[in-house]
N, C-alpha and C. Protein backbone atom coordinates (compact mmCIF):
# COMPACT_ATOMS: atom_id res chain seq x y z
N UNK A 1 15.49 -6.56 23.35
CA UNK A 1 14.56 -6.33 24.43
C UNK A 1 13.44 -7.36 24.38
N UNK A 2 13.11 -7.85 25.49
CA UNK A 2 12.01 -8.86 25.58
C UNK A 2 10.91 -8.19 26.41
N UNK A 3 9.71 -8.21 25.86
CA UNK A 3 8.55 -7.68 26.55
C UNK A 3 7.63 -8.86 26.93
N UNK A 4 7.39 -9.04 28.22
CA UNK A 4 6.52 -10.11 28.64
C UNK A 4 5.15 -9.58 28.92
N UNK A 5 4.12 -10.23 28.31
CA UNK A 5 2.74 -9.83 28.47
C UNK A 5 1.96 -10.88 29.22
N UNK A 6 0.95 -10.49 29.96
CA UNK A 6 0.19 -11.49 30.65
C UNK A 6 -0.53 -12.41 29.73
N UNK A 7 -0.77 -13.61 30.16
CA UNK A 7 -1.52 -14.62 29.34
C UNK A 7 -3.02 -14.30 29.35
N UNK A 8 -3.40 -13.40 28.46
CA UNK A 8 -4.81 -12.99 28.33
C UNK A 8 -5.27 -13.39 26.93
N UNK A 9 -6.45 -13.96 26.86
CA UNK A 9 -6.92 -14.47 25.59
C UNK A 9 -7.01 -13.36 24.50
N UNK A 10 -7.32 -12.16 24.92
CA UNK A 10 -7.42 -11.03 23.96
C UNK A 10 -6.08 -10.74 23.32
N UNK A 11 -5.00 -10.98 24.01
CA UNK A 11 -3.65 -10.75 23.48
C UNK A 11 -3.19 -11.89 22.58
N UNK A 12 -3.58 -13.10 22.89
CA UNK A 12 -3.13 -14.28 22.16
C UNK A 12 -3.50 -14.26 20.69
N UNK A 13 -4.53 -13.51 20.33
CA UNK A 13 -4.96 -13.50 18.90
C UNK A 13 -4.06 -12.60 18.06
N UNK A 14 -3.18 -11.85 18.67
CA UNK A 14 -2.27 -10.96 17.93
C UNK A 14 -0.91 -11.65 17.75
N UNK A 15 -0.32 -11.51 16.59
CA UNK A 15 1.03 -12.01 16.40
C UNK A 15 2.00 -10.99 16.99
N UNK A 16 3.25 -11.40 17.12
CA UNK A 16 4.29 -10.50 17.62
C UNK A 16 4.43 -9.31 16.65
N UNK A 17 4.34 -9.56 15.36
CA UNK A 17 4.45 -8.49 14.38
C UNK A 17 3.29 -7.48 14.54
N UNK A 18 2.08 -7.97 14.75
CA UNK A 18 0.95 -7.08 14.99
C UNK A 18 1.15 -6.18 16.23
N UNK A 19 1.67 -6.79 17.31
CA UNK A 19 1.86 -6.01 18.52
C UNK A 19 2.95 -5.02 18.34
N UNK A 20 4.03 -5.36 17.61
CA UNK A 20 5.10 -4.38 17.32
C UNK A 20 4.58 -3.21 16.54
N UNK A 21 3.74 -3.45 15.56
CA UNK A 21 3.14 -2.37 14.75
C UNK A 21 2.26 -1.49 15.61
N UNK A 22 1.42 -2.12 16.45
CA UNK A 22 0.52 -1.33 17.32
C UNK A 22 1.31 -0.47 18.28
N UNK A 23 2.37 -1.01 18.84
CA UNK A 23 3.22 -0.26 19.79
C UNK A 23 3.87 0.90 19.06
N UNK A 24 4.40 0.64 17.84
CA UNK A 24 5.05 1.70 17.11
C UNK A 24 4.05 2.83 16.76
N UNK A 25 2.86 2.48 16.33
CA UNK A 25 1.85 3.47 16.00
C UNK A 25 1.45 4.29 17.24
N UNK A 26 1.28 3.58 18.36
CA UNK A 26 0.93 4.33 19.59
C UNK A 26 2.03 5.29 20.04
N UNK A 27 3.27 4.87 19.97
CA UNK A 27 4.38 5.73 20.35
C UNK A 27 4.47 6.90 19.40
N UNK A 28 4.28 6.70 18.12
CA UNK A 28 4.33 7.77 17.14
C UNK A 28 3.21 8.77 17.40
N UNK A 29 2.01 8.26 17.67
CA UNK A 29 0.84 9.11 17.89
C UNK A 29 1.04 10.03 19.11
N UNK A 30 1.81 9.55 20.07
CA UNK A 30 2.11 10.34 21.28
C UNK A 30 3.36 11.21 21.12
N UNK A 31 3.92 11.25 19.86
CA UNK A 31 5.08 12.04 19.54
C UNK A 31 6.30 11.63 20.34
N UNK A 32 6.42 10.31 20.59
CA UNK A 32 7.57 9.80 21.36
C UNK A 32 8.68 9.29 20.43
N UNK A 33 8.27 8.96 19.16
CA UNK A 33 9.27 8.49 18.21
C UNK A 33 8.95 9.05 16.82
N UNK A 34 9.95 8.99 15.94
CA UNK A 34 9.75 9.47 14.58
C UNK A 34 9.13 8.34 13.74
N UNK A 35 8.70 8.71 12.56
CA UNK A 35 8.11 7.73 11.64
C UNK A 35 9.13 6.70 11.24
N UNK A 36 10.39 7.14 11.03
CA UNK A 36 11.45 6.17 10.65
C UNK A 36 11.69 5.20 11.78
N UNK A 37 11.71 5.67 13.03
CA UNK A 37 11.88 4.80 14.19
C UNK A 37 10.69 3.84 14.31
N UNK A 38 9.53 4.36 14.07
CA UNK A 38 8.32 3.54 14.11
C UNK A 38 8.37 2.40 13.13
N UNK A 39 8.81 2.73 11.90
CA UNK A 39 8.94 1.69 10.87
C UNK A 39 9.96 0.64 11.32
N UNK A 40 11.08 1.10 11.90
CA UNK A 40 12.11 0.14 12.38
C UNK A 40 11.54 -0.74 13.48
N UNK A 41 10.82 -0.18 14.41
CA UNK A 41 10.24 -0.98 15.53
C UNK A 41 9.30 -2.03 14.95
N UNK A 42 8.46 -1.59 13.99
CA UNK A 42 7.44 -2.49 13.42
C UNK A 42 8.08 -3.46 12.43
N UNK A 43 9.28 -3.22 12.04
CA UNK A 43 9.95 -4.14 11.07
C UNK A 43 9.40 -4.02 9.67
N UNK A 44 8.96 -2.82 9.28
CA UNK A 44 8.41 -2.59 7.93
C UNK A 44 9.02 -1.34 7.35
N UNK A 45 8.80 -1.13 6.07
CA UNK A 45 9.33 0.06 5.39
C UNK A 45 8.51 1.28 5.78
N UNK A 46 9.05 2.46 5.54
CA UNK A 46 8.45 3.72 5.95
C UNK A 46 7.08 3.94 5.31
N UNK A 47 6.95 3.61 4.01
CA UNK A 47 5.67 3.78 3.37
C UNK A 47 4.58 2.91 3.94
N UNK A 48 4.94 1.70 4.29
CA UNK A 48 3.96 0.78 4.88
C UNK A 48 3.58 1.27 6.29
N UNK A 49 4.53 1.85 7.02
CA UNK A 49 4.24 2.42 8.33
C UNK A 49 3.32 3.62 8.19
N UNK A 50 3.58 4.44 7.23
CA UNK A 50 2.69 5.61 6.99
C UNK A 50 1.30 5.13 6.63
N UNK A 51 1.18 4.07 5.86
CA UNK A 51 -0.18 3.51 5.54
C UNK A 51 -0.84 3.01 6.80
N UNK A 52 -0.09 2.36 7.69
CA UNK A 52 -0.66 1.87 8.95
C UNK A 52 -1.14 3.04 9.83
N UNK A 53 -0.37 4.09 9.86
CA UNK A 53 -0.84 5.29 10.59
C UNK A 53 -2.12 5.84 10.01
N UNK A 54 -2.18 5.92 8.69
CA UNK A 54 -3.40 6.40 8.04
C UNK A 54 -4.60 5.54 8.35
N UNK A 55 -4.42 4.21 8.29
CA UNK A 55 -5.50 3.30 8.59
C UNK A 55 -6.04 3.49 10.00
N UNK A 56 -5.20 3.94 10.92
CA UNK A 56 -5.62 4.14 12.32
C UNK A 56 -6.04 5.57 12.58
N UNK A 57 -6.02 6.42 11.55
CA UNK A 57 -6.45 7.79 11.72
C UNK A 57 -5.41 8.67 12.45
N UNK A 58 -4.13 8.24 12.39
CA UNK A 58 -3.07 8.99 13.08
C UNK A 58 -2.42 9.89 12.04
N UNK A 59 -2.53 11.22 12.24
CA UNK A 59 -1.98 12.09 11.21
C UNK A 59 -0.46 12.08 11.18
N UNK A 60 0.07 12.29 10.00
CA UNK A 60 1.55 12.36 9.80
C UNK A 60 2.02 13.71 10.36
N UNK A 61 3.01 13.64 11.20
CA UNK A 61 3.58 14.85 11.81
C UNK A 61 4.79 15.26 10.98
N UNK A 62 4.74 16.50 10.54
CA UNK A 62 5.83 16.99 9.69
C UNK A 62 6.50 18.13 10.43
N UNK A 63 7.74 17.89 10.88
CA UNK A 63 8.44 18.86 11.72
C UNK A 63 9.33 19.76 10.91
N UNK A 64 9.86 20.76 11.57
CA UNK A 64 10.82 21.69 10.94
C UNK A 64 12.07 20.94 10.49
N UNK A 65 12.50 19.98 11.30
CA UNK A 65 13.69 19.20 10.90
C UNK A 65 13.36 18.34 9.64
N UNK A 66 12.16 17.85 9.55
CA UNK A 66 11.76 17.10 8.36
C UNK A 66 11.87 18.00 7.12
N UNK A 67 11.37 19.26 7.26
CA UNK A 67 11.43 20.20 6.18
C UNK A 67 12.89 20.52 5.76
N UNK A 68 13.74 20.71 6.76
CA UNK A 68 15.14 20.96 6.50
C UNK A 68 15.81 19.84 5.72
N UNK A 69 15.51 18.61 6.16
CA UNK A 69 16.04 17.43 5.47
C UNK A 69 15.58 17.39 4.03
N UNK A 70 14.27 17.64 3.83
CA UNK A 70 13.68 17.57 2.49
C UNK A 70 14.31 18.65 1.58
N UNK A 71 14.47 19.85 2.14
CA UNK A 71 15.09 20.93 1.35
C UNK A 71 16.52 20.64 0.98
N UNK A 72 17.27 20.06 1.92
CA UNK A 72 18.67 19.68 1.63
C UNK A 72 18.71 18.61 0.53
N UNK A 73 17.79 17.67 0.57
CA UNK A 73 17.76 16.62 -0.45
C UNK A 73 17.41 17.22 -1.81
N UNK A 74 16.43 18.17 -1.84
CA UNK A 74 16.09 18.81 -3.11
C UNK A 74 17.28 19.58 -3.63
N UNK A 75 18.03 20.28 -2.77
CA UNK A 75 19.20 21.03 -3.20
C UNK A 75 20.24 20.11 -3.83
N UNK A 76 20.40 18.92 -3.28
CA UNK A 76 21.37 17.98 -3.87
C UNK A 76 20.89 17.44 -5.20
N UNK A 77 19.61 17.17 -5.29
CA UNK A 77 19.07 16.63 -6.53
C UNK A 77 18.93 17.64 -7.67
N UNK A 78 18.66 18.88 -7.26
CA UNK A 78 18.46 19.99 -8.25
C UNK A 78 19.28 21.19 -7.84
N UNK A 79 20.60 21.13 -8.05
CA UNK A 79 21.43 22.28 -7.64
C UNK A 79 21.11 23.50 -8.53
N UNK A 80 21.23 24.65 -7.89
CA UNK A 80 20.93 25.92 -8.58
C UNK A 80 21.93 26.28 -9.64
């Protein structure tokens, strides 16, 4: 996908990587994408994306499906 932006001096000071991260954070904050998808869009690992969210004051959203995945992982790691 190619995103064309107007030639505005305020935008020129940002690199493509900066804009991808800002877009990913904004979409995540609006609950439009997951953290994993945000990290993929930004081209960084999940922990770095979570740090970027924290730096911007965007709280981590923890859903019921996140909990299910975490519990399933714990069951695999520590079987009863």
